[in-house]
PDB file of N, CA and C in Angstrom:
ATOM      1  N   MET A   1     202.704 -98.659  55.228  1.00  0.00           N
ATOM      2  CA  MET A   1     203.241 -99.634  54.303  1.00  0.00           C
ATOM      3  C   MET A   1     202.996-101.050  54.823  1.00  0.00           C
ATOM      4  N   ARG A   2     202.976-101.202  56.144  1.00  0.00           N
ATOM      5  CA  ARG A   2     202.712-102.528  56.723  1.00  0.00           C
ATOM      6  C   ARG A   2     201.341-103.045  56.319  1.00  0.00           C
ATOM      7  N   ASP A   3     200.352-102.150  56.324  1.00  0.00           N
ATOM      8  CA  ASP A   3     198.995-102.559  55.952  1.00  0.00           C
ATOM      9  C   ASP A   3     198.964-103.083  54.523  1.00  0.00           C
ATOM     10  N   LEU A   4     199.647-102.390  53.632  1.00  0.00           N
ATOM     11  CA  LEU A   4     199.692-102.813  52.236  1.00  0.00           C
ATOM     12  C   LEU A   4     200.389-104.162  52.105  1.00  0.00           C
ATOM     13  N   LYS A   5     201.443-104.363  52.873  1.00  0.00           N
ATOM     14  CA  LYS A   5     202.161-105.641  52.843  1.00  0.00           C
ATOM     15  C   LYS A   5     201.257-106.770  53.346  1.00  0.00           C
ATOM     16  N   LYS A   6     200.479-106.519  54.402  1.00  0.00           N
ATOM     17  CA  LYS A   6     199.549-107.528  54.923  1.00  0.00           C
ATOM     18  C   LYS A   6     198.491-107.880  53.886  1.00  0.00           C
ATOM     19  N   ILE A   7     197.976-106.871  53.204  1.00  0.00           N
ATOM     20  CA  ILE A   7     196.970-107.102  52.167  1.00  0.00           C
ATOM     21  C   ILE A   7     197.565-107.940  51.047  1.00  0.00           C
ATOM     22  N   HIS A   8     198.785-107.613  50.654  1.00  0.00           N
ATOM     23  CA  HIS A   8     199.464-108.360  49.594  1.00  0.00           C
ATOM     24  C   HIS A   8     199.670-109.818  50.012  1.00  0.00           C
ATOM     25  N   GLU A   9     200.123-110.036  51.236  1.00  0.00           N
ATOM     26  CA  GLU A   9     200.340-111.402  51.730  1.00  0.00           C
ATOM     27  C   GLU A   9     199.030-112.181  51.760  1.00  0.00           C
ATOM     28  N   ARG A  10     197.948-111.535  52.166  1.00  0.00           N
ATOM     29  CA  ARG A  10     196.641-112.188  52.200  1.00  0.00           C
ATOM     30  C   ARG A  10     196.192-112.550  50.784  1.00  0.00           C
ATOM     31  N   ALA A  11     196.419-111.655  49.846  1.00  0.00           N
ATOM     32  CA  ALA A  11     196.038-111.922  48.453  1.00  0.00           C
ATOM     33  C   ALA A  11     196.809-113.116  47.896  1.00  0.00           C
ATOM     34  N   ILE A  12     198.102-113.209  48.204  1.00  0.00           N
ATOM     35  CA  ILE A  12     198.917-114.343  47.752  1.00  0.00           C
ATOM     36  C   ILE A  12     198.365-115.642  48.332  1.00  0.00           C
ATOM     37  N   LYS A  13     198.007-115.641  49.609  1.00  0.00           N
ATOM     38  CA  LYS A  13     197.444-116.841  50.239  1.00  0.00           C
ATOM     39  C   LYS A  13     196.132-117.245  49.577  1.00  0.00           C
ATOM     40  N   ILE A  14     195.316-116.271  49.235  1.00  0.00           N
ATOM     41  CA  ILE A  14     194.045-116.562  48.568  1.00  0.00           C
ATOM     42  C   ILE A  14     194.297-117.192  47.204  1.00  0.00           C
ATOM     43  N   ILE A  15     195.246-116.649  46.456  1.00  0.00           N
ATOM     44  CA  ILE A  15     195.563-117.204  45.138  1.00  0.00           C
ATOM     45  C   ILE A  15     196.091-118.626  45.269  1.00  0.00           C
ATOM     46  N   GLU A  16     196.959-118.864  46.258  1.00  0.00           N
ATOM     47  CA  GLU A  16     197.482-120.219  46.478  1.00  0.00           C
ATOM     48  C   GLU A  16     196.352-121.185  46.827  1.00  0.00           C
ATOM     49  N   LEU A  17     195.431-120.759  47.679  1.00  0.00           N
ATOM     50  CA  LEU A  17     194.292-121.602  48.035  1.00  0.00           C
ATOM     51  C   LEU A  17     193.415-121.873  46.814  1.00  0.00           C
ATOM     52  N   ALA A  18     193.198-120.845  46.016  1.00  0.00           N
ATOM     53  CA  ALA A  18     192.375-120.997  44.811  1.00  0.00           C
ATOM     54  C   ALA A  18     192.988-122.020  43.858  1.00  0.00           C
ATOM     55  N   GLU A  19     194.306-121.985  43.714  1.00  0.00           N
ATOM     56  CA  GLU A  19     194.980-122.955  42.848  1.00  0.00           C
ATOM     57  C   GLU A  19     194.867-124.360  43.423  1.00  0.00           C
ATOM     58  N   LYS A  20     195.068-124.480  44.724  1.00  0.00           N
ATOM     59  CA  LYS A  20     195.013-125.789  45.384  1.00  0.00           C
ATOM     60  C   LYS A  20     193.613-126.394  45.298  1.00  0.00           C
ATOM     61  N   GLU A  21     192.600-125.571  45.532  1.00  0.00           N
ATOM     62  CA  GLU A  21     191.216-126.042  45.554  1.00  0.00           C
ATOM     63  C   GLU A  21     190.554-126.004  44.176  1.00  0.00           C
ATOM     64  N   LYS A  22     191.304-125.545  43.177  1.00  0.00           N
ATOM     65  CA  LYS A  22     190.805-125.462  41.795  1.00  0.00           C
ATOM     66  C   LYS A  22     189.520-124.634  41.690  1.00  0.00           C
ATOM     67  N   TRP A  23     189.597-123.417  42.258  1.00  0.00           N
ATOM     68  CA  TRP A  23     188.471-122.504  42.165  1.00  0.00           C
ATOM     69  C   TRP A  23     188.260-122.100  40.713  1.00  0.00           C
ATOM     70  N   SER A  24     187.033-121.751  40.395  1.00  0.00           N
ATOM     71  CA  SER A  24     186.754-121.201  39.068  1.00  0.00           C
ATOM     72  C   SER A  24     187.267-119.757  39.039  1.00  0.00           C
ATOM     73  N   GLU A  25     187.412-119.236  37.840  1.00  0.00           N
ATOM     74  CA  GLU A  25     187.855-117.852  37.701  1.00  0.00           C
ATOM     75  C   GLU A  25     186.861-116.909  38.382  1.00  0.00           C
ATOM     76  N   GLU A  26     185.582-117.224  38.264  1.00  0.00           N
ATOM     77  CA  GLU A  26     184.545-116.395  38.885  1.00  0.00           C
ATOM     78  C   GLU A  26     184.684-116.382  40.409  1.00  0.00           C
ATOM     79  N   GLU A  27     184.948-117.543  41.006  1.00  0.00           N
ATOM     80  CA  GLU A  27     185.118-117.614  42.467  1.00  0.00           C
ATOM     81  C   GLU A  27     186.324-116.796  42.915  1.00  0.00           C
ATOM     82  N   LEU A  28     187.414-116.895  42.164  1.00  0.00           N
ATOM     83  CA  LEU A  28     188.620-116.149  42.518  1.00  0.00           C
ATOM     84  C   LEU A  28     188.381-114.647  42.394  1.00  0.00           C
ATOM     85  N   LEU A  29     187.777-114.222  41.303  1.00  0.00           N
ATOM     86  CA  LEU A  29     187.519-112.791  41.112  1.00  0.00           C
ATOM     87  C   LEU A  29     186.562-112.238  42.163  1.00  0.00           C
ATOM     88  N   THR A  30     185.559-113.010  42.526  1.00  0.00           N
ATOM     89  CA  THR A  30     184.619-112.585  43.566  1.00  0.00           C
ATOM     90  C   THR A  30     185.337-112.417  44.899  1.00  0.00           C
ATOM     91  N   THR A  31     186.211-113.357  45.221  1.00  0.00           N
ATOM     92  CA  THR A  31     186.966-113.285  46.471  1.00  0.00           C
ATOM     93  C   THR A  31     187.895-112.080  46.479  1.00  0.00           C
ATOM     94  N   ILE A  32     188.560-111.834  45.358  1.00  0.00           N
ATOM     95  CA  ILE A  32     189.451-110.675  45.263  1.00  0.00           C
ATOM     96  C   ILE A  32     188.644-109.384  45.394  1.00  0.00           C
ATOM     97  N   ASP A  33     187.478-109.327  44.760  1.00  0.00           N
ATOM     98  CA  ASP A  33     186.615-108.143  44.887  1.00  0.00           C
ATOM     99  C   ASP A  33     186.217-107.905  46.341  1.00  0.00           C
ATOM    100  N   LEU A  34     185.862-108.973  47.041  1.00  0.00           N
ATOM    101  CA  LEU A  34     185.477-108.844  48.450  1.00  0.00           C
ATOM    102  C   LEU A  34     186.654-108.387  49.305  1.00  0.00           C
ATOM    103  N   LEU A  35     187.840-108.909  49.027  1.00  0.00           N
ATOM    104  CA  LEU A  35     189.036-108.475  49.752  1.00  0.00           C
ATOM    105  C   LEU A  35     189.280-106.991  49.514  1.00  0.00           C
ATOM    106  N   HIS A  36     189.128-106.565  48.276  1.00  0.00           N
ATOM    107  CA  HIS A  36     189.312-105.152  47.945  1.00  0.00           C
ATOM    108  C   HIS A  36     188.317-104.277  48.707  1.00  0.00           C
ATOM    109  N   LEU A  37     187.058-104.676  48.712  1.00  0.00           N
ATOM    110  CA  LEU A  37     186.038-103.902  49.428  1.00  0.00           C
ATOM    111  C   LEU A  37     186.310-103.868  50.924  1.00  0.00           C
ATOM    112  N   GLN A  38     186.770-105.000  51.458  1.00  0.00           N
ATOM    113  CA  GLN A  38     187.061-105.077  52.888  1.00  0.00           C
ATOM    114  C   GLN A  38     188.183-104.118  53.260  1.00  0.00           C
ATOM    115  N   ASN A  39     189.164-103.977  52.390  1.00  0.00           N
ATOM    116  CA  ASN A  39     190.341-103.175  52.701  1.00  0.00           C
ATOM    117  C   ASN A  39     190.272-101.756  52.161  1.00  0.00           C
ATOM    118  N   GLN A  40     189.246-101.454  51.395  1.00  0.00           N
ATOM    119  CA  GLN A  40     189.135-100.148  50.761  1.00  0.00           C
ATOM    120  C   GLN A  40     189.207 -99.015  51.780  1.00  0.00           C
ATOM    121  N   ASN A  41     188.584 -99.160  52.908  1.00  0.00           N
ATOM    122  CA  ASN A  41     188.576 -98.098  53.917  1.00  0.00           C
ATOM    123  C   ASN A  41     189.838 -98.090  54.758  1.00  0.00           C
ATOM    124  N   ASN A  42     190.682 -99.115  54.609  1.00  0.00           N
ATOM    125  CA  ASN A  42     191.892 -99.196  55.411  1.00  0.00           C
ATOM    126  C   ASN A  42     193.122 -98.681  54.682  1.00  0.00           C
ATOM    127  N   LEU A  43     193.005 -98.445  53.380  1.00  0.00           N
ATOM    128  CA  LEU A  43     194.149 -97.976  52.615  1.00  0.00           C
ATOM    129  C   LEU A  43     194.322 -96.478  52.823  1.00  0.00           C
ATOM    130  N   PHE A  44     195.558 -96.043  52.839  1.00  0.00           N
ATOM    131  CA  PHE A  44     195.818 -94.626  53.012  1.00  0.00           C
ATOM    132  C   PHE A  44     197.030 -94.223  52.190  1.00  0.00           C
ATOM    133  N   LEU A  45     197.151 -92.965  52.002  1.00  0.00           N
ATOM    134  CA  LEU A  45     198.247 -92.390  51.259  1.00  0.00           C
ATOM    135  C   LEU A  45     199.051 -91.558  52.247  1.00  0.00           C
ATOM    136  N   THR A  46     200.359 -91.668  52.203  1.00  0.00           N
ATOM    137  CA  THR A  46     201.192 -90.866  53.087  1.00  0.00           C
ATOM    138  C   THR A  46     201.791 -89.716  52.281  1.00  0.00           C
ATOM    139  N   VAL A  47     201.531 -88.497  52.740  1.00  0.00           N
ATOM    140  CA  VAL A  47     202.058 -87.308  52.089  1.00  0.00           C
ATOM    141  C   VAL A  47     202.783 -86.505  53.150  1.00  0.00           C
ATOM    142  N   ASN A  48     204.070 -86.255  52.926  1.00  0.00           N
ATOM    143  CA  ASN A  48     204.889 -85.512  53.888  1.00  0.00           C
ATOM    144  C   ASN A  48     204.767 -86.104  55.288  1.00  0.00           C
ATOM    145  N   ASP A  49     204.908 -87.414  55.370  1.00  0.00           N
ATOM    146  CA  ASP A  49     204.839 -88.157  56.634  1.00  0.00           C
ATOM    147  C   ASP A  49     203.495 -88.016  57.346  1.00  0.00           C
ATOM    148  N   GLU A  50     202.470 -87.642  56.631  1.00  0.00           N
ATOM    149  CA  GLU A  50     201.140 -87.490  57.208  1.00  0.00           C
ATOM    150  C   GLU A  50     200.187 -88.427  56.475  1.00  0.00           C
ATOM    151  N   LYS A  51     199.438 -89.224  57.224  1.00  0.00           N
ATOM    152  CA  LYS A  51     198.516 -90.168  56.600  1.00  0.00           C
ATOM    153  C   LYS A  51     197.303 -89.432  56.055  1.00  0.00           C
ATOM    154  N   LYS A  52     197.014 -89.689  54.800  1.00  0.00           N
ATOM    155  CA  LYS A  52     195.845 -89.116  54.132  1.00  0.00           C
ATOM    156  C   LYS A  52     194.958 -90.278  53.735  1.00  0.00           C
ATOM    157  N   TYR A  53     193.810 -90.380  54.352  1.00  0.00           N
ATOM    158  CA  TYR A  53     192.907 -91.488  54.059  1.00  0.00           C
ATOM    159  C   TYR A  53     192.151 -91.218  52.774  1.00  0.00           C
ATOM    160  N   GLU A  54     191.976 -92.279  51.994  1.00  0.00           N
ATOM    161  CA  GLU A  54     191.256 -92.158  50.727  1.00  0.00           C
ATOM    162  C   GLU A  54     189.800 -92.459  50.942  1.00  0.00           C
TER     163      GLU A  54
END
């Protein structure tokens, strides 16, 4: 759950920066896509207290 919280906090910071710097919608979506790809291999599902990697 900590990993998911870190990803969420990073996403919020990116959105705040995008608003401050007046990024275009395309720039913001590209950045979010890259963040998703970066974290895709780090996300996991916990089943019966056992980590199951997606």
